[in-house]
Amino acid sequence: DCVTLFFTDIYEFKKLVASVNPVKILEL
């Protein structure tokens, strides 16, 4: 009947992925 949910994400993640090495993204 009532559950509280929260989501998190990284702001401007797509821009980060475009400019940082993929291995470093996984490390992050």
mmCIF file of all heavy atoms, coordinates in Angstrom:
data_MODEL
# 
_entry.id   MODEL 
# 
loop_
_atom_site.group_PDB 
_atom_site.id 
_atom_site.type_symbol 
_atom_site.label_atom_id 
_atom_site.label_alt_id 
_atom_site.label_comp_id 
_atom_site.label_asym_id 
_atom_site.label_entity_id 
_atom_site.label_seq_id 
_atom_site.pdbx_PDB_ins_code 
_atom_site.Cartn_x 
_atom_site.Cartn_y 
_atom_site.Cartn_z 
_atom_site.occupancy 
_atom_site.B_iso_or_equiv 
_atom_site.pdbx_formal_charge 
_atom_site.auth_seq_id 
_atom_site.auth_comp_id 
_atom_site.auth_asym_id 
_atom_site.auth_atom_id 
_atom_site.pdbx_PDB_model_num 
ATOM 1   N N   . ASP A 1 1  ? 0.813  -1.216 0.000   1.00 0.00 ? 1  ASP A N   1 
ATOM 2   C CA  . ASP A 1 1  ? 0.000  0.000  0.000   1.00 0.00 ? 1  ASP A CA  1 
ATOM 3   C C   . ASP A 1 1  ? 0.848  1.269  0.000   1.00 0.00 ? 1  ASP A C   1 
ATOM 4   O O   . ASP A 1 1  ? 0.476  2.271  -0.600  1.00 0.00 ? 1  ASP A O   1 
ATOM 5   C CB  . ASP A 1 1  ? -0.931 0.012  1.210   1.00 0.00 ? 1  ASP A CB  1 
ATOM 6   C CG  . ASP A 1 1  ? -1.992 -1.075 1.115   1.00 0.00 ? 1  ASP A CG  1 
ATOM 7   O OD1 . ASP A 1 1  ? -2.343 -1.446 -0.020  1.00 0.00 ? 1  ASP A OD1 1 
ATOM 8   O OD2 . ASP A 1 1  ? -2.452 -1.550 2.161   1.00 0.00 ? 1  ASP A OD2 1 
ATOM 9   N N   . CYS A 1 2  ? 1.992  1.221  0.685   1.00 0.00 ? 2  CYS A N   1 
ATOM 10  C CA  . CYS A 1 2  ? 2.835  2.418  0.724   1.00 0.00 ? 2  CYS A CA  1 
ATOM 11  C C   . CYS A 1 2  ? 4.299  2.048  0.915   1.00 0.00 ? 2  CYS A C   1 
ATOM 12  O O   . CYS A 1 2  ? 4.680  1.505  1.960   1.00 0.00 ? 2  CYS A O   1 
ATOM 13  C CB  . CYS A 1 2  ? 2.391  3.353  1.845   1.00 0.00 ? 2  CYS A CB  1 
ATOM 14  S SG  . CYS A 1 2  ? 3.274  4.941  1.796   1.00 0.00 ? 2  CYS A SG  1 
ATOM 15  N N   . VAL A 1 3  ? 5.081  2.338  -0.101  1.00 0.00 ? 3  VAL A N   1 
ATOM 16  C CA  . VAL A 1 3  ? 6.534  2.143  -0.074  1.00 0.00 ? 3  VAL A CA  1 
ATOM 17  C C   . VAL A 1 3  ? 7.168  3.446  -0.521  1.00 0.00 ? 3  VAL A C   1 
ATOM 18  O O   . VAL A 1 3  ? 6.645  4.131  -1.403  1.00 0.00 ? 3  VAL A O   1 
ATOM 19  C CB  . VAL A 1 3  ? 6.959  0.986  -1.012  1.00 0.00 ? 3  VAL A CB  1 
ATOM 20  C CG1 . VAL A 1 3  ? 8.468  0.945  -1.192  1.00 0.00 ? 3  VAL A CG1 1 
ATOM 21  C CG2 . VAL A 1 3  ? 6.463  -0.349 -0.463  1.00 0.00 ? 3  VAL A CG2 1 
ATOM 22  N N   . THR A 1 4  ? 8.275  3.807  0.096   1.00 0.00 ? 4  THR A N   1 
ATOM 23  C CA  . THR A 1 4  ? 9.003  5.006  -0.319  1.00 0.00 ? 4  THR A CA  1 
ATOM 24  C C   . THR A 1 4  ? 10.214 4.585  -1.144  1.00 0.00 ? 4  THR A C   1 
ATOM 25  O O   . THR A 1 4  ? 10.992 3.730  -0.717  1.00 0.00 ? 4  THR A O   1 
ATOM 26  C CB  . THR A 1 4  ? 9.452  5.837  0.897   1.00 0.00 ? 4  THR A CB  1 
ATOM 27  O OG1 . THR A 1 4  ? 8.281  6.329  1.570   1.00 0.00 ? 4  THR A OG1 1 
ATOM 28  C CG2 . THR A 1 4  ? 10.312 7.019  0.467   1.00 0.00 ? 4  THR A CG2 1 
ATOM 29  N N   . LEU A 1 5  ? 10.327 5.179  -2.324  1.00 0.00 ? 5  LEU A N   1 
ATOM 30  C CA  . LEU A 1 5  ? 11.426 4.856  -3.232  1.00 0.00 ? 5  LEU A CA  1 
ATOM 31  C C   . LEU A 1 5  ? 12.278 6.097  -3.460  1.00 0.00 ? 5  LEU A C   1 
ATOM 32  O O   . LEU A 1 5  ? 11.761 7.207  -3.476  1.00 0.00 ? 5  LEU A O   1 
ATOM 33  C CB  . LEU A 1 5  ? 10.890 4.385  -4.590  1.00 0.00 ? 5  LEU A CB  1 
ATOM 34  C CG  . LEU A 1 5  ? 9.879  3.235  -4.608  1.00 0.00 ? 5  LEU A CG  1 
ATOM 35  C CD1 . LEU A 1 5  ? 9.402  3.005  -6.045  1.00 0.00 ? 5  LEU A CD1 1 
ATOM 36  C CD2 . LEU A 1 5  ? 10.481 1.968  -4.046  1.00 0.00 ? 5  LEU A CD2 1 
ATOM 37  N N   . PHE A 1 6  ? 13.575 5.866  -3.646  1.00 0.00 ? 6  PHE A N   1 
ATOM 38  C CA  . PHE A 1 6  ? 14.386 6.972  -4.158  1.00 0.00 ? 6  PHE A CA  1 
ATOM 39  C C   . PHE A 1 6  ? 15.369 6.477  -5.202  1.00 0.00 ? 6  PHE A C   1 
ATOM 40  O O   . PHE A 1 6  ? 15.859 5.356  -5.132  1.00 0.00 ? 6  PHE A O   1 
ATOM 41  C CB  . PHE A 1 6  ? 15.058 7.785  -3.044  1.00 0.00 ? 6  PHE A CB  1 
ATOM 42  C CG  . PHE A 1 6  ? 16.216 7.144  -2.320  1.00 0.00 ? 6  PHE A CG  1 
ATOM 43  C CD1 . PHE A 1 6  ? 17.474 7.081  -2.895  1.00 0.00 ? 6  PHE A CD1 1 
ATOM 44  C CD2 . PHE A 1 6  ? 16.051 6.672  -1.029  1.00 0.00 ? 6  PHE A CD2 1 
ATOM 45  C CE1 . PHE A 1 6  ? 18.554 6.532  -2.206  1.00 0.00 ? 6  PHE A CE1 1 
ATOM 46  C CE2 . PHE A 1 6  ? 17.121 6.125  -0.330  1.00 0.00 ? 6  PHE A CE2 1 
ATOM 47  C CZ  . PHE A 1 6  ? 18.371 6.056  -0.919  1.00 0.00 ? 6  PHE A CZ  1 
ATOM 48  N N   . PHE A 1 7  ? 15.573 7.332  -6.189  1.00 0.00 ? 7  PHE A N   1 
ATOM 49  C CA  . PHE A 1 7  ? 16.530 7.084  -7.266  1.00 0.00 ? 7  PHE A CA  1 
ATOM 50  C C   . PHE A 1 7  ? 17.654 8.102  -7.156  1.00 0.00 ? 7  PHE A C   1 
ATOM 51  O O   . PHE A 1 7  ? 17.425 9.252  -6.779  1.00 0.00 ? 7  PHE A O   1 
ATOM 52  C CB  . PHE A 1 7  ? 15.868 7.246  -8.637  1.00 0.00 ? 7  PHE A CB  1 
ATOM 53  C CG  . PHE A 1 7  ? 15.022 6.091  -9.078  1.00 0.00 ? 7  PHE A CG  1 
ATOM 54  C CD1 . PHE A 1 7  ? 13.729 5.939  -8.606  1.00 0.00 ? 7  PHE A CD1 1 
ATOM 55  C CD2 . PHE A 1 7  ? 15.510 5.164  -9.993  1.00 0.00 ? 7  PHE A CD2 1 
ATOM 56  C CE1 . PHE A 1 7  ? 12.940 4.883  -9.019  1.00 0.00 ? 7  PHE A CE1 1 
ATOM 57  C CE2 . PHE A 1 7  ? 14.725 4.103  -10.421 1.00 0.00 ? 7  PHE A CE2 1 
ATOM 58  C CZ  . PHE A 1 7  ? 13.440 3.951  -9.932  1.00 0.00 ? 7  PHE A CZ  1 
ATOM 59  N N   . THR A 1 8  ? 18.854 7.686  -7.504  1.00 0.00 ? 8  THR A N   1 
ATOM 60  C CA  . THR A 1 8  ? 19.964 8.628  -7.634  1.00 0.00 ? 8  THR A CA  1 
ATOM 61  C C   . THR A 1 8  ? 20.548 8.477  -9.036  1.00 0.00 ? 8  THR A C   1 
ATOM 62  O O   . THR A 1 8  ? 20.501 7.397  -9.628  1.00 0.00 ? 8  THR A O   1 
ATOM 63  C CB  . THR A 1 8  ? 21.085 8.362  -6.606  1.00 0.00 ? 8  THR A CB  1 
ATOM 64  O OG1 . THR A 1 8  ? 21.896 7.262  -7.054  1.00 0.00 ? 8  THR A OG1 1 
ATOM 65  C CG2 . THR A 1 8  ? 20.517 8.034  -5.241  1.00 0.00 ? 8  THR A CG2 1 
ATOM 66  N N   . ASP A 1 9  ? 21.070 9.566  -9.567  1.00 0.00 ? 9  ASP A N   1 
ATOM 67  C CA  . ASP A 1 9  ? 21.882 9.482  -10.776 1.00 0.00 ? 9  ASP A CA  1 
ATOM 68  C C   . ASP A 1 9  ? 22.945 10.578 -10.736 1.00 0.00 ? 9  ASP A C   1 
ATOM 69  O O   . ASP A 1 9  ? 22.931 11.443 -9.858  1.00 0.00 ? 9  ASP A O   1 
ATOM 70  C CB  . ASP A 1 9  ? 21.046 9.525  -12.065 1.00 0.00 ? 9  ASP A CB  1 
ATOM 71  C CG  . ASP A 1 9  ? 20.409 10.883 -12.352 1.00 0.00 ? 9  ASP A CG  1 
ATOM 72  O OD1 . ASP A 1 9  ? 20.724 11.864 -11.636 1.00 0.00 ? 9  ASP A OD1 1 
ATOM 73  O OD2 . ASP A 1 9  ? 19.601 10.981 -13.289 1.00 0.00 ? 9  ASP A OD2 1 
ATOM 74  N N   . ILE A 1 10 ? 23.886 10.505 -11.667 1.00 0.00 ? 10 ILE A N   1 
ATOM 75  C CA  . ILE A 1 10 ? 24.964 11.483 -11.730 1.00 0.00 ? 10 ILE A CA  1 
ATOM 76  C C   . ILE A 1 10 ? 24.578 12.567 -12.727 1.00 0.00 ? 10 ILE A C   1 
ATOM 77  O O   . ILE A 1 10 ? 24.263 12.272 -13.889 1.00 0.00 ? 10 ILE A O   1 
ATOM 78  C CB  . ILE A 1 10 ? 26.295 10.817 -12.147 1.00 0.00 ? 10 ILE A CB  1 
ATOM 79  C CG1 . ILE A 1 10 ? 26.701 9.792  -11.086 1.00 0.00 ? 10 ILE A CG1 1 
ATOM 80  C CG2 . ILE A 1 10 ? 27.395 11.859 -12.330 1.00 0.00 ? 10 ILE A CG2 1 
ATOM 81  C CD1 . ILE A 1 10 ? 27.908 8.957  -11.481 1.00 0.00 ? 10 ILE A CD1 1 
ATOM 82  N N   . TYR A 1 11 ? 24.591 13.799 -12.270 1.00 0.00 ? 11 TYR A N   1 
ATOM 83  C CA  . TYR A 1 11 ? 24.208 14.917 -13.123 1.00 0.00 ? 11 TYR A CA  1 
ATOM 84  C C   . TYR A 1 11 ? 25.166 15.036 -14.312 1.00 0.00 ? 11 TYR A C   1 
ATOM 85  O O   . TYR A 1 11 ? 26.380 14.976 -14.162 1.00 0.00 ? 11 TYR A O   1 
ATOM 86  C CB  . TYR A 1 11 ? 24.214 16.209 -12.301 1.00 0.00 ? 11 TYR A CB  1 
ATOM 87  C CG  . TYR A 1 11 ? 23.766 17.432 -13.049 1.00 0.00 ? 11 TYR A CG  1 
ATOM 88  C CD1 . TYR A 1 11 ? 22.457 17.552 -13.497 1.00 0.00 ? 11 TYR A CD1 1 
ATOM 89  C CD2 . TYR A 1 11 ? 24.653 18.481 -13.292 1.00 0.00 ? 11 TYR A CD2 1 
ATOM 90  C CE1 . TYR A 1 11 ? 22.033 18.685 -14.183 1.00 0.00 ? 11 TYR A CE1 1 
ATOM 91  C CE2 . TYR A 1 11 ? 24.236 19.621 -13.973 1.00 0.00 ? 11 TYR A CE2 1 
ATOM 92  C CZ  . TYR A 1 11 ? 22.926 19.709 -14.418 1.00 0.00 ? 11 TYR A CZ  1 
ATOM 93  O OH  . TYR A 1 11 ? 22.510 20.831 -15.089 1.00 0.00 ? 11 TYR A OH  1 
ATOM 94  N N   . GLU A 1 12 ? 24.584 15.157 -15.518 1.00 0.00 ? 12 GLU A N   1 
ATOM 95  C CA  . GLU A 1 12 ? 25.336 15.285 -16.774 1.00 0.00 ? 12 GLU A CA  1 
ATOM 96  C C   . GLU A 1 12 ? 26.289 14.093 -16.989 1.00 0.00 ? 12 GLU A C   1 
ATOM 97  O O   . GLU A 1 12 ? 27.435 14.253 -17.405 1.00 0.00 ? 12 GLU A O   1 
ATOM 98  C CB  . GLU A 1 12 ? 26.092 16.609 -16.826 1.00 0.00 ? 12 GLU A CB  1 
ATOM 99  C CG  . GLU A 1 12 ? 25.160 17.817 -16.851 1.00 0.00 ? 12 GLU A CG  1 
ATOM 100 C CD  . GLU A 1 12 ? 25.880 19.136 -17.071 1.00 0.00 ? 12 GLU A CD  1 
ATOM 101 O OE1 . GLU A 1 12 ? 27.086 19.230 -16.734 1.00 0.00 ? 12 GLU A OE1 1 
ATOM 102 O OE2 . GLU A 1 12 ? 25.241 20.076 -17.601 1.00 0.00 ? 12 GLU A OE2 1 
ATOM 103 N N   . PHE A 1 13 ? 25.773 12.917 -16.703 1.00 0.00 ? 13 PHE A N   1 
ATOM 104 C CA  . PHE A 1 13 ? 26.585 11.703 -16.830 1.00 0.00 ? 13 PHE A CA  1 
ATOM 105 C C   . PHE A 1 13 ? 27.009 11.442 -18.275 1.00 0.00 ? 13 PHE A C   1 
ATOM 106 O O   . PHE A 1 13 ? 28.131 10.980 -18.529 1.00 0.00 ? 13 PHE A O   1 
ATOM 107 C CB  . PHE A 1 13 ? 25.791 10.499 -16.292 1.00 0.00 ? 13 PHE A CB  1 
ATOM 108 C CG  . PHE A 1 13 ? 26.571 9.207  -16.282 1.00 0.00 ? 13 PHE A CG  1 
ATOM 109 C CD1 . PHE A 1 13 ? 27.651 9.043  -15.416 1.00 0.00 ? 13 PHE A CD1 1 
ATOM 110 C CD2 . PHE A 1 13 ? 26.217 8.154  -17.118 1.00 0.00 ? 13 PHE A CD2 1 
ATOM 111 C CE1 . PHE A 1 13 ? 28.367 7.846  -15.392 1.00 0.00 ? 13 PHE A CE1 1 
ATOM 112 C CE2 . PHE A 1 13 ? 26.925 6.962  -17.099 1.00 0.00 ? 13 PHE A CE2 1 
ATOM 113 C CZ  . PHE A 1 13 ? 28.000 6.811  -16.236 1.00 0.00 ? 13 PHE A CZ  1 
ATOM 114 N N   . LYS A 1 14 ? 26.151 11.751 -19.229 1.00 0.00 ? 14 LYS A N   1 
ATOM 115 C CA  . LYS A 1 14 ? 26.493 11.527 -20.636 1.00 0.00 ? 14 LYS A CA  1 
ATOM 116 C C   . LYS A 1 14 ? 27.702 12.357 -21.052 1.00 0.00 ? 14 LYS A C   1 
ATOM 117 O O   . LYS A 1 14 ? 28.574 11.887 -21.799 1.00 0.00 ? 14 LYS A O   1 
ATOM 118 C CB  . LYS A 1 14 ? 25.296 11.830 -21.539 1.00 0.00 ? 14 LYS A CB  1 
ATOM 119 C CG  . LYS A 1 14 ? 24.162 10.815 -21.420 1.00 0.00 ? 14 LYS A CG  1 
ATOM 120 C CD  . LYS A 1 14 ? 23.016 11.142 -22.376 1.00 0.00 ? 14 LYS A CD  1 
ATOM 121 C CE  . LYS A 1 14 ? 21.906 10.107 -22.263 1.00 0.00 ? 14 LYS A CE  1 
ATOM 122 N NZ  . LYS A 1 14 ? 20.760 10.418 -23.173 1.00 0.00 ? 14 LYS A NZ  1 
ATOM 123 N N   . LYS A 1 15 ? 27.761 13.595 -20.594 1.00 0.00 ? 15 LYS A N   1 
ATOM 124 C CA  . LYS A 1 15 ? 28.921 14.442 -20.902 1.00 0.00 ? 15 LYS A CA  1 
ATOM 125 C C   . LYS A 1 15 ? 30.182 13.877 -20.263 1.00 0.00 ? 15 LYS A C   1 
ATOM 126 O O   . LYS A 1 15 ? 31.272 13.923 -20.843 1.00 0.00 ? 15 LYS A O   1 
ATOM 127 C CB  . LYS A 1 15 ? 28.680 15.869 -20.394 1.00 0.00 ? 15 LYS A CB  1 
ATOM 128 C CG  . LYS A 1 15 ? 27.607 16.629 -21.159 1.00 0.00 ? 15 LYS A CG  1 
ATOM 129 C CD  . LYS A 1 15 ? 27.491 18.050 -20.637 1.00 0.00 ? 15 LYS A CD  1 
ATOM 130 C CE  . LYS A 1 15 ? 26.420 18.839 -21.397 1.00 0.00 ? 15 LYS A CE  1 
ATOM 131 N NZ  . LYS A 1 15 ? 26.280 20.221 -20.886 1.00 0.00 ? 15 LYS A NZ  1 
ATOM 132 N N   . LEU A 1 16 ? 30.036 13.338 -19.067 1.00 0.00 ? 16 LEU A N   1 
ATOM 133 C CA  . LEU A 1 16 ? 31.174 12.739 -18.362 1.00 0.00 ? 16 LEU A CA  1 
ATOM 134 C C   . LEU A 1 16 ? 31.698 11.532 -19.124 1.00 0.00 ? 16 LEU A C   1 
ATOM 135 O O   . LEU A 1 16 ? 32.909 11.385 -19.331 1.00 0.00 ? 16 LEU A O   1 
ATOM 136 C CB  . LEU A 1 16 ? 30.744 12.327 -16.951 1.00 0.00 ? 16 LEU A CB  1 
ATOM 137 C CG  . LEU A 1 16 ? 31.835 11.763 -16.045 1.00 0.00 ? 16 LEU A CG  1 
ATOM 138 C CD1 . LEU A 1 16 ? 32.819 12.853 -15.653 1.00 0.00 ? 16 LEU A CD1 1 
ATOM 139 C CD2 . LEU A 1 16 ? 31.216 11.128 -14.797 1.00 0.00 ? 16 LEU A CD2 1 
ATOM 140 N N   . VAL A 1 17 ? 30.791 10.685 -19.586 1.00 0.00 ? 17 VAL A N   1 
ATOM 141 C CA  . VAL A 1 17 ? 31.174 9.480  -20.337 1.00 0.00 ? 17 VAL A CA  1 
ATOM 142 C C   . VAL A 1 17 ? 31.889 9.851  -21.631 1.00 0.00 ? 17 VAL A C   1 
ATOM 143 O O   . VAL A 1 17 ? 32.821 9.162  -22.057 1.00 0.00 ? 17 VAL A O   1 
ATOM 144 C CB  . VAL A 1 17 ? 29.926 8.620  -20.635 1.00 0.00 ? 17 VAL A CB  1 
ATOM 145 C CG1 . VAL A 1 17 ? 30.253 7.510  -21.625 1.00 0.00 ? 17 VAL A CG1 1 
ATOM 146 C CG2 . VAL A 1 17 ? 29.375 8.022  -19.340 1.00 0.00 ? 17 VAL A CG2 1 
ATOM 147 N N   . ALA A 1 18 ? 31.473 10.945 -22.251 1.00 0.00 ? 18 ALA A N   1 
ATOM 148 C CA  . ALA A 1 18 ? 32.062 11.363 -23.520 1.00 0.00 ? 18 ALA A CA  1 
ATOM 149 C C   . ALA A 1 18 ? 33.482 11.892 -23.372 1.00 0.00 ? 18 ALA A C   1 
ATOM 150 O O   . ALA A 1 18 ? 34.231 11.957 -24.352 1.00 0.00 ? 18 ALA A O   1 
ATOM 151 C CB  . ALA A 1 18 ? 31.180 12.421 -24.183 1.00 0.00 ? 18 ALA A CB  1 
ATOM 152 N N   . SER A 1 19 ? 33.855 12.265 -22.151 1.00 0.00 ? 19 SER A N   1 
ATOM 153 C CA  . SER A 1 19 ? 35.161 12.903 -21.978 1.00 0.00 ? 19 SER A CA  1 
ATOM 154 C C   . SER A 1 19 ? 36.115 12.165 -21.037 1.00 0.00 ? 19 SER A C   1 
ATOM 155 O O   . SER A 1 19 ? 37.254 12.594 -20.849 1.00 0.00 ? 19 SER A O   1 
ATOM 156 C CB  . SER A 1 19 ? 34.971 14.335 -21.468 1.00 0.00 ? 19 SER A CB  1 
ATOM 157 O OG  . SER A 1 19 ? 34.192 14.352 -20.290 1.00 0.00 ? 19 SER A OG  1 
ATOM 158 N N   . VAL A 1 20 ? 35.668 11.057 -20.459 1.00 0.00 ? 20 VAL A N   1 
ATOM 159 C CA  . VAL A 1 20 ? 36.506 10.304 -19.515 1.00 0.00 ? 20 VAL A CA  1 
ATOM 160 C C   . VAL A 1 20 ? 36.675 8.870  -20.010 1.00 0.00 ? 20 VAL A C   1 
ATOM 161 O O   . VAL A 1 20 ? 35.745 8.276  -20.565 1.00 0.00 ? 20 VAL A O   1 
ATOM 162 C CB  . VAL A 1 20 ? 35.880 10.313 -18.099 1.00 0.00 ? 20 VAL A CB  1 
ATOM 163 C CG1 . VAL A 1 20 ? 36.685 9.429  -17.143 1.00 0.00 ? 20 VAL A CG1 1 
ATOM 164 C CG2 . VAL A 1 20 ? 35.809 11.730 -17.558 1.00 0.00 ? 20 VAL A CG2 1 
ATOM 165 N N   . ASN A 1 21 ? 37.861 8.324  -19.815 1.00 0.00 ? 21 ASN A N   1 
ATOM 166 C CA  . ASN A 1 21 ? 38.160 6.949  -20.212 1.00 0.00 ? 21 ASN A CA  1 
ATOM 167 C C   . ASN A 1 21 ? 37.127 5.985  -19.616 1.00 0.00 ? 21 ASN A C   1 
ATOM 168 O O   . ASN A 1 21 ? 36.809 6.073  -18.424 1.00 0.00 ? 21 ASN A O   1 
ATOM 169 C CB  . ASN A 1 21 ? 39.571 6.586  -19.717 1.00 0.00 ? 21 ASN A CB  1 
ATOM 170 C CG  . ASN A 1 21 ? 40.000 5.207  -20.171 1.00 0.00 ? 21 ASN A CG  1 
ATOM 171 O OD1 . ASN A 1 21 ? 39.465 4.213  -19.708 1.00 0.00 ? 21 ASN A OD1 1 
ATOM 172 N ND2 . ASN A 1 21 ? 40.980 5.158  -21.059 1.00 0.00 ? 21 ASN A ND2 1 
ATOM 173 N N   . PRO A 1 22 ? 36.596 5.043  -20.427 1.00 0.00 ? 22 PRO A N   1 
ATOM 174 C CA  . PRO A 1 22 ? 35.577 4.104  -19.933 1.00 0.00 ? 22 PRO A CA  1 
ATOM 175 C C   . PRO A 1 22 ? 36.002 3.320  -18.695 1.00 0.00 ? 22 PRO A C   1 
ATOM 176 O O   . PRO A 1 22 ? 35.183 3.053  -17.811 1.00 0.00 ? 22 PRO A O   1 
ATOM 177 C CB  . PRO A 1 22 ? 35.352 3.166  -21.121 1.00 0.00 ? 22 PRO A CB  1 
ATOM 178 C CG  . PRO A 1 22 ? 35.733 3.972  -22.315 1.00 0.00 ? 22 PRO A CG  1 
ATOM 179 C CD  . PRO A 1 22 ? 36.854 4.858  -21.870 1.00 0.00 ? 22 PRO A CD  1 
ATOM 180 N N   . VAL A 1 23 ? 37.276 2.961  -18.633 1.00 0.00 ? 23 VAL A N   1 
ATOM 181 C CA  . VAL A 1 23 ? 37.769 2.225  -17.462 1.00 0.00 ? 23 VAL A CA  1 
ATOM 182 C C   . VAL A 1 23 ? 37.646 3.087  -16.211 1.00 0.00 ? 23 VAL A C   1 
ATOM 183 O O   . VAL A 1 23 ? 37.299 2.608  -15.128 1.00 0.00 ? 23 VAL A O   1 
ATOM 184 C CB  . VAL A 1 23 ? 39.234 1.780  -17.669 1.00 0.00 ? 23 VAL A CB  1 
ATOM 185 C CG1 . VAL A 1 23 ? 39.791 1.155  -16.392 1.00 0.00 ? 23 VAL A CG1 1 
ATOM 186 C CG2 . VAL A 1 23 ? 39.321 0.782  -18.819 1.00 0.00 ? 23 VAL A CG2 1 
ATOM 187 N N   . LYS A 1 24 ? 37.901 4.382  -16.363 1.00 0.00 ? 24 LYS A N   1 
ATOM 188 C CA  . LYS A 1 24 ? 37.791 5.302  -15.244 1.00 0.00 ? 24 LYS A CA  1 
ATOM 189 C C   . LYS A 1 24 ? 36.328 5.510  -14.818 1.00 0.00 ? 24 LYS A C   1 
ATOM 190 O O   . LYS A 1 24 ? 36.032 5.716  -13.645 1.00 0.00 ? 24 LYS A O   1 
ATOM 191 C CB  . LYS A 1 24 ? 38.431 6.652  -15.588 1.00 0.00 ? 24 LYS A CB  1 
ATOM 192 C CG  . LYS A 1 24 ? 39.948 6.609  -15.689 1.00 0.00 ? 24 LYS A CG  1 
ATOM 193 C CD  . LYS A 1 24 ? 40.576 6.239  -14.356 1.00 0.00 ? 24 LYS A CD  1 
ATOM 194 C CE  . LYS A 1 24 ? 42.083 6.262  -14.387 1.00 0.00 ? 24 LYS A CE  1 
ATOM 195 N NZ  . LYS A 1 24 ? 42.681 5.882  -13.074 1.00 0.00 ? 24 LYS A NZ  1 
ATOM 196 N N   . ILE A 1 25 ? 35.435 5.444  -15.801 1.00 0.00 ? 25 ILE A N   1 
ATOM 197 C CA  . ILE A 1 25 ? 34.004 5.537  -15.490 1.00 0.00 ? 25 ILE A CA  1 
ATOM 198 C C   . ILE A 1 25 ? 33.585 4.346  -14.625 1.00 0.00 ? 25 ILE A C   1 
ATOM 199 O O   . ILE A 1 25 ? 32.869 4.493  -13.624 1.00 0.00 ? 25 ILE A O   1 
ATOM 200 C CB  . ILE A 1 25 ? 33.150 5.590  -16.770 1.00 0.00 ? 25 ILE A CB  1 
ATOM 201 C CG1 . ILE A 1 25 ? 33.394 6.891  -17.533 1.00 0.00 ? 25 ILE A CG1 1 
ATOM 202 C CG2 . ILE A 1 25 ? 31.665 5.437  -16.438 1.00 0.00 ? 25 ILE A CG2 1 
ATOM 203 C CD1 . ILE A 1 25 ? 32.917 8.138  -16.826 1.00 0.00 ? 25 ILE A CD1 1 
ATOM 204 N N   . LEU A 1 26 ? 34.028 3.163  -15.016 1.00 0.00 ? 26 LEU A N   1 
ATOM 205 C CA  . LEU A 1 26 ? 33.710 1.970  -14.227 1.00 0.00 ? 26 LEU A CA  1 
ATOM 206 C C   . LEU A 1 26 ? 34.322 2.062  -12.833 1.00 0.00 ? 26 LEU A C   1 
ATOM 207 O O   . LEU A 1 26 ? 33.705 1.661  -11.839 1.00 0.00 ? 26 LEU A O   1 
ATOM 208 C CB  . LEU A 1 26 ? 34.225 0.719  -14.942 1.00 0.00 ? 26 LEU A CB  1 
ATOM 209 C CG  . LEU A 1 26 ? 33.501 0.342  -16.232 1.00 0.00 ? 26 LEU A CG  1 
ATOM 210 C CD1 . LEU A 1 26 ? 34.207 -0.815 -16.925 1.00 0.00 ? 26 LEU A CD1 1 
ATOM 211 C CD2 . LEU A 1 26 ? 32.051 -0.040 -15.946 1.00 0.00 ? 26 LEU A CD2 1 
ATOM 212 N N   . GLU A 1 27 ? 35.512 2.592  -12.765 1.00 0.00 ? 27 GLU A N   1 
ATOM 213 C CA  . GLU A 1 27 ? 36.170 2.780  -11.465 1.00 0.00 ? 27 GLU A CA  1 
ATOM 214 C C   . GLU A 1 27 ? 35.370 3.740  -10.594 1.00 0.00 ? 27 GLU A C   1 
ATOM 215 O O   . GLU A 1 27 ? 35.184 3.513  -9.395  1.00 0.00 ? 27 GLU A O   1 
ATOM 216 C CB  . GLU A 1 27 ? 37.590 3.314  -11.682 1.00 0.00 ? 27 GLU A CB  1 
ATOM 217 C CG  . GLU A 1 27 ? 38.410 3.437  -10.411 1.00 0.00 ? 27 GLU A CG  1 
ATOM 218 C CD  . GLU A 1 27 ? 39.814 3.943  -10.691 1.00 0.00 ? 27 GLU A CD  1 
ATOM 219 O OE1 . GLU A 1 27 ? 40.379 3.613  -11.756 1.00 0.00 ? 27 GLU A OE1 1 
ATOM 220 O OE2 . GLU A 1 27 ? 40.342 4.703  -9.840  1.00 0.00 ? 27 GLU A OE2 1 
ATOM 221 N N   . LEU A 1 28 ? 34.881 4.818  -11.208 1.00 0.00 ? 28 LEU A N   1 
ATOM 222 C CA  . LEU A 1 28 ? 34.059 5.792  -10.489 1.00 0.00 ? 28 LEU A CA  1 
ATOM 223 C C   . LEU A 1 28 ? 32.800 5.138  -9.929  1.00 0.00 ? 28 LEU A C   1 
ATOM 224 O O   . LEU A 1 28 ? 32.479 5.307  -8.738  1.00 0.00 ? 28 LEU A O   1 
ATOM 225 C CB  . LEU A 1 28 ? 33.675 6.940  -11.428 1.00 0.00 ? 28 LEU A CB  1 
ATOM 226 C CG  . LEU A 1 28 ? 32.562 7.878  -10.929 1.00 0.00 ? 28 LEU A CG  1 
ATOM 227 C CD1 . LEU A 1 28 ? 33.045 8.689  -9.738  1.00 0.00 ? 28 LEU A CD1 1 
ATOM 228 C CD2 . LEU A 1 28 ? 32.078 8.781  -12.059 1.00 0.00 ? 28 LEU A CD2 1 
# 
